[in-house]
ModelCIF file with pLDDT and N, C-alpha, C, O atoms, coordinates in Angstrom:
data_MODEL
#
_entry.id   MODEL 
#
_entity.id                         1 
_entity.type                       polymer 
_entity.pdbx_number_of_molecules   1 
#
_entity_poly.entity_id                      1 
_entity_poly.type                           'polypeptide(L)' 
_entity_poly.nstd_linkage                   no 
_entity_poly.nstd_monomer                   no 
_entity_poly.pdbx_seq_one_letter_code       
;(UNK)(UNK)(UNK)(UNK)(UNK)(UNK)(UNK)(UNK)(UNK)(UNK)(UNK)(UNK)(UNK)(UNK)(UNK)(UNK)
(UNK)(UNK)(UNK)(UNK)(UNK)(UNK)(UNK)(UNK)(UNK)(UNK)(UNK)(UNK)(UNK)(UNK)(UNK)(UNK)
(UNK)(UNK)(UNK)(UNK)(UNK)(UNK)(UNK)(UNK)(UNK)(UNK)(UNK)(UNK)
;
_entity_poly.pdbx_seq_one_letter_code_can   XXXXXXXXXXXXXXXXXXXXXXXXXXXXXXXXXXXXXXXXXXXX 
_entity_poly.pdbx_strand_id                 A 
#
loop_
_entity_poly_seq.entity_id 
_entity_poly_seq.num 
_entity_poly_seq.mon_id 
_entity_poly_seq.hetero 
1 1  UNK n 
1 2  UNK n 
1 3  UNK n 
1 4  UNK n 
1 5  UNK n 
1 6  UNK n 
1 7  UNK n 
1 8  UNK n 
1 9  UNK n 
1 10 UNK n 
1 11 UNK n 
1 12 UNK n 
1 13 UNK n 
1 14 UNK n 
1 15 UNK n 
1 16 UNK n 
1 17 UNK n 
1 18 UNK n 
1 19 UNK n 
1 20 UNK n 
1 21 UNK n 
1 22 UNK n 
1 23 UNK n 
1 24 UNK n 
1 25 UNK n 
1 26 UNK n 
1 27 UNK n 
1 28 UNK n 
1 29 UNK n 
1 30 UNK n 
1 31 UNK n 
1 32 UNK n 
1 33 UNK n 
1 34 UNK n 
1 35 UNK n 
1 36 UNK n 
1 37 UNK n 
1 38 UNK n 
1 39 UNK n 
1 40 UNK n 
1 41 UNK n 
1 42 UNK n 
1 43 UNK n 
1 44 UNK n 
#
_struct_asym.id          A 
_struct_asym.entity_id   1 
#
loop_
_ma_qa_metric.id 
_ma_qa_metric.mode 
_ma_qa_metric.name 
_ma_qa_metric.software_group_id 
_ma_qa_metric.type 
1 global pLDDT . pLDDT 
2 local  pLDDT . pLDDT 
#
_ma_qa_metric_global.metric_id      1 
_ma_qa_metric_global.metric_value   95.77 
_ma_qa_metric_global.model_id       1 
_ma_qa_metric_global.ordinal_id     1 
#
loop_
_ma_qa_metric_local.label_asym_id 
_ma_qa_metric_local.label_comp_id 
_ma_qa_metric_local.label_seq_id 
_ma_qa_metric_local.metric_id 
_ma_qa_metric_local.metric_value 
_ma_qa_metric_local.model_id 
_ma_qa_metric_local.ordinal_id 
A UNK 1  2 97.00 1 1  
A UNK 2  2 97.00 1 2  
A UNK 3  2 97.00 1 3  
A UNK 4  2 97.00 1 4  
A UNK 5  2 97.00 1 5  
A UNK 6  2 97.00 1 6  
A UNK 7  2 96.00 1 7  
A UNK 8  2 96.00 1 8  
A UNK 9  2 97.00 1 9  
A UNK 10 2 96.00 1 10 
A UNK 11 2 95.00 1 11 
A UNK 12 2 94.00 1 12 
A UNK 13 2 94.00 1 13 
A UNK 14 2 95.00 1 14 
A UNK 15 2 96.00 1 15 
A UNK 16 2 97.00 1 16 
A UNK 17 2 97.00 1 17 
A UNK 18 2 98.00 1 18 
A UNK 19 2 97.00 1 19 
A UNK 20 2 96.00 1 20 
A UNK 21 2 97.00 1 21 
A UNK 22 2 97.00 1 22 
A UNK 23 2 97.00 1 23 
A UNK 24 2 96.00 1 24 
A UNK 25 2 96.00 1 25 
A UNK 26 2 97.00 1 26 
A UNK 27 2 97.00 1 27 
A UNK 28 2 95.00 1 28 
A UNK 29 2 96.00 1 29 
A UNK 30 2 97.00 1 30 
A UNK 31 2 96.00 1 31 
A UNK 32 2 92.00 1 32 
A UNK 33 2 93.00 1 33 
A UNK 34 2 94.00 1 34 
A UNK 35 2 92.00 1 35 
A UNK 36 2 95.00 1 36 
A UNK 37 2 94.00 1 37 
A UNK 38 2 95.00 1 38 
A UNK 39 2 96.00 1 39 
A UNK 40 2 97.00 1 40 
A UNK 41 2 97.00 1 41 
A UNK 42 2 96.00 1 42 
A UNK 43 2 95.00 1 43 
A UNK 44 2 91.00 1 44 
#
loop_
_atom_site.group_PDB 
_atom_site.id 
_atom_site.type_symbol 
_atom_site.label_atom_id 
_atom_site.label_alt_id 
_atom_site.label_comp_id 
_atom_site.label_asym_id 
_atom_site.label_entity_id 
_atom_site.label_seq_id 
_atom_site.pdbx_PDB_ins_code 
_atom_site.Cartn_x 
_atom_site.Cartn_y 
_atom_site.Cartn_z 
_atom_site.occupancy 
_atom_site.B_iso_or_equiv 
_atom_site.pdbx_formal_charge 
_atom_site.auth_seq_id 
_atom_site.auth_comp_id 
_atom_site.auth_asym_id 
_atom_site.auth_atom_id 
_atom_site.pdbx_PDB_model_num 
ATOM 1   N N  . UNK A 1 1  ? 45.316 -77.288 110.731 1.00 97.00 ? 1  UNK A N  1 
ATOM 2   C CA . UNK A 1 1  ? 45.796 -77.246 112.107 1.00 97.00 ? 1  UNK A CA 1 
ATOM 3   C C  . UNK A 1 1  ? 45.213 -78.395 112.927 1.00 97.00 ? 1  UNK A C  1 
ATOM 4   O O  . UNK A 1 1  ? 45.883 -78.929 113.811 1.00 97.00 ? 1  UNK A O  1 
ATOM 5   N N  . UNK A 1 2  ? 43.972 -78.776 112.638 1.00 97.00 ? 2  UNK A N  1 
ATOM 6   C CA . UNK A 1 2  ? 43.375 -79.937 113.304 1.00 97.00 ? 2  UNK A CA 1 
ATOM 7   C C  . UNK A 1 2  ? 44.201 -81.190 113.008 1.00 97.00 ? 2  UNK A C  1 
ATOM 8   O O  . UNK A 1 2  ? 44.496 -81.975 113.910 1.00 97.00 ? 2  UNK A O  1 
ATOM 9   N N  . UNK A 1 3  ? 44.572 -81.370 111.738 1.00 97.00 ? 3  UNK A N  1 
ATOM 10  C CA . UNK A 1 3  ? 45.358 -82.546 111.357 1.00 97.00 ? 3  UNK A CA 1 
ATOM 11  C C  . UNK A 1 3  ? 46.709 -82.553 112.071 1.00 97.00 ? 3  UNK A C  1 
ATOM 12  O O  . UNK A 1 3  ? 47.180 -83.599 112.517 1.00 97.00 ? 3  UNK A O  1 
ATOM 13  N N  . UNK A 1 4  ? 47.327 -81.375 112.173 1.00 97.00 ? 4  UNK A N  1 
ATOM 14  C CA . UNK A 1 4  ? 48.624 -81.287 112.828 1.00 97.00 ? 4  UNK A CA 1 
ATOM 15  C C  . UNK A 1 4  ? 48.524 -81.591 114.325 1.00 97.00 ? 4  UNK A C  1 
ATOM 16  O O  . UNK A 1 4  ? 49.327 -82.352 114.864 1.00 97.00 ? 4  UNK A O  1 
ATOM 17  N N  . UNK A 1 5  ? 47.535 -80.994 114.988 1.00 97.00 ? 5  UNK A N  1 
ATOM 18  C CA . UNK A 1 5  ? 47.337 -81.257 116.413 1.00 97.00 ? 5  UNK A CA 1 
ATOM 19  C C  . UNK A 1 5  ? 47.032 -82.732 116.648 1.00 97.00 ? 5  UNK A C  1 
ATOM 20  O O  . UNK A 1 5  ? 47.552 -83.349 117.578 1.00 97.00 ? 5  UNK A O  1 
ATOM 21  N N  . UNK A 1 6  ? 46.187 -83.281 115.795 1.00 97.00 ? 6  UNK A N  1 
ATOM 22  C CA . UNK A 1 6  ? 45.811 -84.700 115.897 1.00 97.00 ? 6  UNK A CA 1 
ATOM 23  C C  . UNK A 1 6  ? 47.047 -85.588 115.772 1.00 97.00 ? 6  UNK A C  1 
ATOM 24  O O  . UNK A 1 6  ? 47.227 -86.520 116.555 1.00 97.00 ? 6  UNK A O  1 
ATOM 25  N N  . UNK A 1 7  ? 47.898 -85.297 114.785 1.00 96.00 ? 7  UNK A N  1 
ATOM 26  C CA . UNK A 1 7  ? 49.116 -86.088 114.596 1.00 96.00 ? 7  UNK A CA 1 
ATOM 27  C C  . UNK A 1 7  ? 50.016 -85.990 115.824 1.00 96.00 ? 7  UNK A C  1 
ATOM 28  O O  . UNK A 1 7  ? 50.605 -86.985 116.247 1.00 96.00 ? 7  UNK A O  1 
ATOM 29  N N  . UNK A 1 8  ? 50.121 -84.800 116.392 1.00 96.00 ? 8  UNK A N  1 
ATOM 30  C CA . UNK A 1 8  ? 50.940 -84.634 117.585 1.00 96.00 ? 8  UNK A CA 1 
ATOM 31  C C  . UNK A 1 8  ? 50.438 -85.454 118.751 1.00 96.00 ? 8  UNK A C  1 
ATOM 32  O O  . UNK A 1 8  ? 51.218 -86.113 119.439 1.00 96.00 ? 8  UNK A O  1 
ATOM 33  N N  . UNK A 1 9  ? 49.135 -85.414 118.972 1.00 97.00 ? 9  UNK A N  1 
ATOM 34  C CA . UNK A 1 9  ? 48.538 -86.171 120.074 1.00 97.00 ? 9  UNK A CA 1 
ATOM 35  C C  . UNK A 1 9  ? 48.793 -87.667 119.906 1.00 97.00 ? 9  UNK A C  1 
ATOM 36  O O  . UNK A 1 9  ? 49.222 -88.339 120.844 1.00 97.00 ? 9  UNK A O  1 
ATOM 37  N N  . UNK A 1 10 ? 48.532 -88.173 118.727 1.00 96.00 ? 10 UNK A N  1 
ATOM 38  C CA . UNK A 1 10 ? 48.681 -89.616 118.485 1.00 96.00 ? 10 UNK A CA 1 
ATOM 39  C C  . UNK A 1 10 ? 50.139 -90.054 118.547 1.00 96.00 ? 10 UNK A C  1 
ATOM 40  O O  . UNK A 1 10 ? 50.427 -91.192 118.918 1.00 96.00 ? 10 UNK A O  1 
ATOM 41  N N  . UNK A 1 11 ? 51.066 -89.159 118.186 1.00 95.00 ? 11 UNK A N  1 
ATOM 42  C CA . UNK A 1 11 ? 52.478 -89.536 118.153 1.00 95.00 ? 11 UNK A CA 1 
ATOM 43  C C  . UNK A 1 11 ? 53.059 -89.783 119.537 1.00 95.00 ? 11 UNK A C  1 
ATOM 44  O O  . UNK A 1 11 ? 54.105 -90.419 119.662 1.00 95.00 ? 11 UNK A O  1 
ATOM 45  N N  . UNK A 1 12 ? 52.393 -89.287 120.586 1.00 94.00 ? 12 UNK A N  1 
ATOM 46  C CA . UNK A 1 12 ? 52.867 -89.547 121.949 1.00 94.00 ? 12 UNK A CA 1 
ATOM 47  C C  . UNK A 1 12 ? 51.982 -90.573 122.658 1.00 94.00 ? 12 UNK A C  1 
ATOM 48  O O  . UNK A 1 12 ? 52.039 -90.719 123.879 1.00 94.00 ? 12 UNK A O  1 
ATOM 49  N N  . UNK A 1 13 ? 51.160 -91.283 121.872 1.00 94.00 ? 13 UNK A N  1 
ATOM 50  C CA . UNK A 1 13 ? 50.417 -92.409 122.414 1.00 94.00 ? 13 UNK A CA 1 
ATOM 51  C C  . UNK A 1 13 ? 49.030 -92.117 122.935 1.00 94.00 ? 13 UNK A C  1 
ATOM 52  O O  . UNK A 1 13 ? 48.393 -93.006 123.501 1.00 94.00 ? 13 UNK A O  1 
ATOM 53  N N  . UNK A 1 14 ? 48.540 -90.907 122.766 1.00 95.00 ? 14 UNK A N  1 
ATOM 54  C CA . UNK A 1 14 ? 47.183 -90.575 123.212 1.00 95.00 ? 14 UNK A CA 1 
ATOM 55  C C  . UNK A 1 14 ? 46.211 -90.714 122.040 1.00 95.00 ? 14 UNK A C  1 
ATOM 56  O O  . UNK A 1 14 ? 46.608 -90.600 120.880 1.00 95.00 ? 14 UNK A O  1 
ATOM 57  N N  . UNK A 1 15 ? 44.945 -90.960 122.346 1.00 96.00 ? 15 UNK A N  1 
ATOM 58  C CA . UNK A 1 15 ? 43.901 -90.994 121.322 1.00 96.00 ? 15 UNK A CA 1 
ATOM 59  C C  . UNK A 1 15 ? 43.357 -89.591 121.102 1.00 96.00 ? 15 UNK A C  1 
ATOM 60  O O  . UNK A 1 15 ? 43.242 -88.804 122.042 1.00 96.00 ? 15 UNK A O  1 
ATOM 61  N N  . UNK A 1 16 ? 43.026 -89.285 119.859 1.00 97.00 ? 16 UNK A N  1 
ATOM 62  C CA . UNK A 1 16 ? 42.419 -87.999 119.508 1.00 97.00 ? 16 UNK A CA 1 
ATOM 63  C C  . UNK A 1 16 ? 41.015 -88.251 119.005 1.00 97.00 ? 16 UNK A C  1 
ATOM 64  O O  . UNK A 1 16 ? 40.824 -88.969 118.023 1.00 97.00 ? 16 UNK A O  1 
ATOM 65  N N  . UNK A 1 17 ? 40.027 -87.666 119.670 1.00 97.00 ? 17 UNK A N  1 
ATOM 66  C CA . UNK A 1 17 ? 38.637 -87.806 119.223 1.00 97.00 ? 17 UNK A CA 1 
ATOM 67  C C  . UNK A 1 17 ? 38.202 -86.503 118.566 1.00 97.00 ? 17 UNK A C  1 
ATOM 68  O O  . UNK A 1 17 ? 38.152 -85.458 119.213 1.00 97.00 ? 17 UNK A O  1 
ATOM 69  N N  . UNK A 1 18 ? 37.890 -86.574 117.279 1.00 98.00 ? 18 UNK A N  1 
ATOM 70  C CA . UNK A 1 18 ? 37.563 -85.400 116.487 1.00 98.00 ? 18 UNK A CA 1 
ATOM 71  C C  . UNK A 1 18 ? 36.069 -85.106 116.582 1.00 98.00 ? 18 UNK A C  1 
ATOM 72  O O  . UNK A 1 18 ? 35.237 -85.956 116.263 1.00 98.00 ? 18 UNK A O  1 
ATOM 73  N N  . UNK A 1 19 ? 35.738 -83.897 117.023 1.00 97.00 ? 19 UNK A N  1 
ATOM 74  C CA . UNK A 1 19 ? 34.341 -83.492 117.203 1.00 97.00 ? 19 UNK A CA 1 
ATOM 75  C C  . UNK A 1 19 ? 33.786 -82.780 115.983 1.00 97.00 ? 19 UNK A C  1 
ATOM 76  O O  . UNK A 1 19 ? 32.572 -82.608 115.868 1.00 97.00 ? 19 UNK A O  1 
ATOM 77  N N  . UNK A 1 20 ? 34.663 -82.360 115.062 1.00 96.00 ? 20 UNK A N  1 
ATOM 78  C CA . UNK A 1 20 ? 34.210 -81.584 113.914 1.00 96.00 ? 20 UNK A CA 1 
ATOM 79  C C  . UNK A 1 20 ? 34.012 -80.131 114.295 1.00 96.00 ? 20 UNK A C  1 
ATOM 80  O O  . UNK A 1 20 ? 34.618 -79.647 115.251 1.00 96.00 ? 20 UNK A O  1 
ATOM 81  N N  . UNK A 1 21 ? 33.161 -79.429 113.546 1.00 97.00 ? 21 UNK A N  1 
ATOM 82  C CA . UNK A 1 21 ? 32.892 -78.016 113.815 1.00 97.00 ? 21 UNK A CA 1 
ATOM 83  C C  . UNK A 1 21 ? 31.860 -77.911 114.934 1.00 97.00 ? 21 UNK A C  1 
ATOM 84  O O  . UNK A 1 21 ? 30.699 -78.281 114.766 1.00 97.00 ? 21 UNK A O  1 
ATOM 85  N N  . UNK A 1 22 ? 32.298 -77.412 116.052 1.00 97.00 ? 22 UNK A N  1 
ATOM 86  C CA . UNK A 1 22 ? 31.434 -77.238 117.236 1.00 97.00 ? 22 UNK A CA 1 
ATOM 87  C C  . UNK A 1 22 ? 31.855 -75.957 117.951 1.00 97.00 ? 22 UNK A C  1 
ATOM 88  O O  . UNK A 1 22 ? 32.994 -75.517 117.795 1.00 97.00 ? 22 UNK A O  1 
ATOM 89  N N  . UNK A 1 23 ? 30.969 -75.355 118.726 1.00 97.00 ? 23 UNK A N  1 
ATOM 90  C CA . UNK A 1 23 ? 31.366 -74.206 119.549 1.00 97.00 ? 23 UNK A CA 1 
ATOM 91  C C  . UNK A 1 23 ? 32.414 -74.596 120.585 1.00 97.00 ? 23 UNK A C  1 
ATOM 92  O O  . UNK A 1 23 ? 32.470 -75.745 121.022 1.00 97.00 ? 23 UNK A O  1 
ATOM 93  N N  . UNK A 1 24 ? 33.230 -73.646 120.968 1.00 96.00 ? 24 UNK A N  1 
ATOM 94  C CA . UNK A 1 24 ? 34.226 -73.898 122.013 1.00 96.00 ? 24 UNK A CA 1 
ATOM 95  C C  . UNK A 1 24 ? 33.607 -74.482 123.281 1.00 96.00 ? 24 UNK A C  1 
ATOM 96  O O  . UNK A 1 24 ? 34.157 -75.443 123.819 1.00 96.00 ? 24 UNK A O  1 
ATOM 97  N N  . UNK A 1 25 ? 32.479 -73.945 123.791 1.00 96.00 ? 25 UNK A N  1 
ATOM 98  C CA . UNK A 1 25 ? 31.918 -74.534 125.013 1.00 96.00 ? 25 UNK A CA 1 
ATOM 99  C C  . UNK A 1 25 ? 31.453 -75.974 124.836 1.00 96.00 ? 25 UNK A C  1 
ATOM 100 O O  . UNK A 1 25 ? 31.314 -76.699 125.820 1.00 96.00 ? 25 UNK A O  1 
ATOM 101 N N  . UNK A 1 26 ? 31.211 -76.399 123.600 1.00 97.00 ? 26 UNK A N  1 
ATOM 102 C CA . UNK A 1 26 ? 30.858 -77.805 123.374 1.00 97.00 ? 26 UNK A CA 1 
ATOM 103 C C  . UNK A 1 26 ? 32.040 -78.709 123.683 1.00 97.00 ? 26 UNK A C  1 
ATOM 104 O O  . UNK A 1 26 ? 31.869 -79.784 124.259 1.00 97.00 ? 26 UNK A O  1 
ATOM 105 N N  . UNK A 1 27 ? 33.236 -78.281 123.302 1.00 97.00 ? 27 UNK A N  1 
ATOM 106 C CA . UNK A 1 27 ? 34.438 -79.054 123.632 1.00 97.00 ? 27 UNK A CA 1 
ATOM 107 C C  . UNK A 1 27 ? 34.578 -79.173 125.142 1.00 97.00 ? 27 UNK A C  1 
ATOM 108 O O  . UNK A 1 27 ? 34.809 -80.261 125.669 1.00 97.00 ? 27 UNK A O  1 
ATOM 109 N N  . UNK A 1 28 ? 34.435 -78.039 125.840 1.00 95.00 ? 28 UNK A N  1 
ATOM 110 C CA . UNK A 1 28 ? 34.573 -78.040 127.300 1.00 95.00 ? 28 UNK A CA 1 
ATOM 111 C C  . UNK A 1 28 ? 33.553 -78.983 127.949 1.00 95.00 ? 28 UNK A C  1 
ATOM 112 O O  . UNK A 1 28 ? 33.893 -79.732 128.864 1.00 95.00 ? 28 UNK A O  1 
ATOM 113 N N  . UNK A 1 29 ? 32.308 -78.943 127.476 1.00 96.00 ? 29 UNK A N  1 
ATOM 114 C CA . UNK A 1 29 ? 31.270 -79.801 128.048 1.00 96.00 ? 29 UNK A CA 1 
ATOM 115 C C  . UNK A 1 29 ? 31.503 -81.277 127.749 1.00 96.00 ? 29 UNK A C  1 
ATOM 116 O O  . UNK A 1 29 ? 31.344 -82.120 128.632 1.00 96.00 ? 29 UNK A O  1 
ATOM 117 N N  . UNK A 1 30 ? 31.875 -81.595 126.523 1.00 97.00 ? 30 UNK A N  1 
ATOM 118 C CA . UNK A 1 30 ? 31.973 -82.987 126.103 1.00 97.00 ? 30 UNK A CA 1 
ATOM 119 C C  . UNK A 1 30 ? 33.166 -83.714 126.702 1.00 97.00 ? 30 UNK A C  1 
ATOM 120 O O  . UNK A 1 30 ? 33.214 -84.944 126.670 1.00 97.00 ? 30 UNK A O  1 
ATOM 121 N N  . UNK A 1 31 ? 34.127 -82.982 127.245 1.00 96.00 ? 31 UNK A N  1 
ATOM 122 C CA . UNK A 1 31 ? 35.252 -83.635 127.919 1.00 96.00 ? 31 UNK A CA 1 
ATOM 123 C C  . UNK A 1 31 ? 34.741 -84.568 129.007 1.00 96.00 ? 31 UNK A C  1 
ATOM 124 O O  . UNK A 1 31 ? 35.189 -85.709 129.114 1.00 96.00 ? 31 UNK A O  1 
ATOM 125 N N  . UNK A 1 32 ? 33.801 -84.082 129.817 1.00 92.00 ? 32 UNK A N  1 
ATOM 126 C CA . UNK A 1 32 ? 33.235 -84.929 130.863 1.00 92.00 ? 32 UNK A CA 1 
ATOM 127 C C  . UNK A 1 32 ? 32.316 -85.997 130.322 1.00 92.00 ? 32 UNK A C  1 
ATOM 128 O O  . UNK A 1 32 ? 32.371 -87.149 130.750 1.00 92.00 ? 32 UNK A O  1 
ATOM 129 N N  . UNK A 1 33 ? 31.467 -85.616 129.375 1.00 93.00 ? 33 UNK A N  1 
ATOM 130 C CA . UNK A 1 33 ? 30.497 -86.559 128.807 1.00 93.00 ? 33 UNK A CA 1 
ATOM 131 C C  . UNK A 1 33 ? 31.175 -87.744 128.129 1.00 93.00 ? 33 UNK A C  1 
ATOM 132 O O  . UNK A 1 33 ? 30.702 -88.875 128.242 1.00 93.00 ? 33 UNK A O  1 
ATOM 133 N N  . UNK A 1 34 ? 32.276 -87.495 127.427 1.00 94.00 ? 34 UNK A N  1 
ATOM 134 C CA . UNK A 1 34 ? 32.958 -88.538 126.661 1.00 94.00 ? 34 UNK A CA 1 
ATOM 135 C C  . UNK A 1 34 ? 34.135 -89.141 127.424 1.00 94.00 ? 34 UNK A C  1 
ATOM 136 O O  . UNK A 1 34 ? 34.881 -89.950 126.871 1.00 94.00 ? 34 UNK A O  1 
ATOM 137 N N  . UNK A 1 35 ? 34.306 -88.760 128.667 1.00 92.00 ? 35 UNK A N  1 
ATOM 138 C CA . UNK A 1 35 ? 35.359 -89.343 129.487 1.00 92.00 ? 35 UNK A CA 1 
ATOM 139 C C  . UNK A 1 35 ? 36.757 -89.034 128.997 1.00 92.00 ? 35 UNK A C  1 
ATOM 140 O O  . UNK A 1 35 ? 37.639 -89.891 129.055 1.00 92.00 ? 35 UNK A O  1 
ATOM 141 N N  . UNK A 1 36 ? 36.971 -87.825 128.518 1.00 95.00 ? 36 UNK A N  1 
ATOM 142 C CA . UNK A 1 36 ? 38.277 -87.441 127.991 1.00 95.00 ? 36 UNK A CA 1 
ATOM 143 C C  . UNK A 1 36 ? 39.146 -86.835 129.088 1.00 95.00 ? 36 UNK A C  1 
ATOM 144 O O  . UNK A 1 36 ? 38.662 -86.485 130.164 1.00 95.00 ? 36 UNK A O  1 
ATOM 145 N N  . UNK A 1 37 ? 40.423 -86.720 128.794 1.00 94.00 ? 37 UNK A N  1 
ATOM 146 C CA . UNK A 1 37 ? 41.386 -86.173 129.746 1.00 94.00 ? 37 UNK A CA 1 
ATOM 147 C C  . UNK A 1 37 ? 41.692 -84.704 129.480 1.00 94.00 ? 37 UNK A C  1 
ATOM 148 O O  . UNK A 1 37 ? 42.436 -84.068 130.227 1.00 94.00 ? 37 UNK A O  1 
ATOM 149 N N  . UNK A 1 38 ? 41.116 -84.178 128.418 1.00 95.00 ? 38 UNK A N  1 
ATOM 150 C CA . UNK A 1 38 ? 41.307 -82.778 128.078 1.00 95.00 ? 38 UNK A CA 1 
ATOM 151 C C  . UNK A 1 38 ? 40.730 -82.519 126.701 1.00 95.00 ? 38 UNK A C  1 
ATOM 152 O O  . UNK A 1 38 ? 40.215 -83.425 126.045 1.00 95.00 ? 38 UNK A O  1 
ATOM 153 N N  . UNK A 1 39 ? 40.821 -81.287 126.279 1.00 96.00 ? 39 UNK A N  1 
ATOM 154 C CA . UNK A 1 39 ? 40.272 -80.928 124.973 1.00 96.00 ? 39 UNK A CA 1 
ATOM 155 C C  . UNK A 1 39 ? 41.043 -79.793 124.349 1.00 96.00 ? 39 UNK A C  1 
ATOM 156 O O  . UNK A 1 39 ? 41.668 -78.995 125.047 1.00 96.00 ? 39 UNK A O  1 
ATOM 157 N N  . UNK A 1 40 ? 40.998 -79.721 123.030 1.00 97.00 ? 40 UNK A N  1 
ATOM 158 C CA . UNK A 1 40 ? 41.639 -78.652 122.280 1.00 97.00 ? 40 UNK A CA 1 
ATOM 159 C C  . UNK A 1 40 ? 40.646 -78.101 121.272 1.00 97.00 ? 40 UNK A C  1 
ATOM 160 O O  . UNK A 1 40 ? 39.993 -78.858 120.555 1.00 97.00 ? 40 UNK A O  1 
ATOM 161 N N  . UNK A 1 41 ? 40.534 -76.774 121.221 1.00 97.00 ? 41 UNK A N  1 
ATOM 162 C CA . UNK A 1 41 ? 39.695 -76.102 120.236 1.00 97.00 ? 41 UNK A CA 1 
ATOM 163 C C  . UNK A 1 41 ? 40.590 -75.333 119.286 1.00 97.00 ? 41 UNK A C  1 
ATOM 164 O O  . UNK A 1 41 ? 41.394 -74.502 119.708 1.00 97.00 ? 41 UNK A O  1 
ATOM 165 N N  . UNK A 1 42 ? 40.444 -75.614 117.996 1.00 96.00 ? 42 UNK A N  1 
ATOM 166 C CA . UNK A 1 42 ? 41.164 -74.881 116.956 1.00 96.00 ? 42 UNK A CA 1 
ATOM 167 C C  . UNK A 1 42 ? 40.286 -73.712 116.541 1.00 96.00 ? 42 UNK A C  1 
ATOM 168 O O  . UNK A 1 42 ? 39.297 -73.899 115.833 1.00 96.00 ? 42 UNK A O  1 
ATOM 169 N N  . UNK A 1 43 ? 40.637 -72.515 116.971 1.00 95.00 ? 43 UNK A N  1 
ATOM 170 C CA . UNK A 1 43 ? 39.800 -71.351 116.665 1.00 95.00 ? 43 UNK A CA 1 
ATOM 171 C C  . UNK A 1 43 ? 40.574 -70.060 116.876 1.00 95.00 ? 43 UNK A C  1 
ATOM 172 O O  . UNK A 1 43 ? 41.383 -69.940 117.796 1.00 95.00 ? 43 UNK A O  1 
ATOM 173 N N  . UNK A 1 44 ? 40.306 -69.102 116.005 1.00 91.00 ? 44 UNK A N  1 
ATOM 174 C CA . UNK A 1 44 ? 40.812 -67.749 116.177 1.00 91.00 ? 44 UNK A CA 1 
ATOM 175 C C  . UNK A 1 44 ? 39.794 -66.852 116.829 1.00 91.00 ? 44 UNK A C  1 
ATOM 176 O O  . UNK A 1 44 ? 40.063 -65.670 117.047 1.00 91.00 ? 44 UNK A O  1 
#
C-alpha cells in the first residue's frame, strides 16, 4: 500500500518522502520539521 500511495503521489507531480516504520504521531510531527505539505500513514 505504501508503494501504491507513493506512485499515486508522484504521478501528479508531488514528491513522496518515505519515513519507513514510524508511529502515526511521528508523521504528524515531521510534517512541520521536514517542511512537508501533508502526510499519510499506512496503518490499520
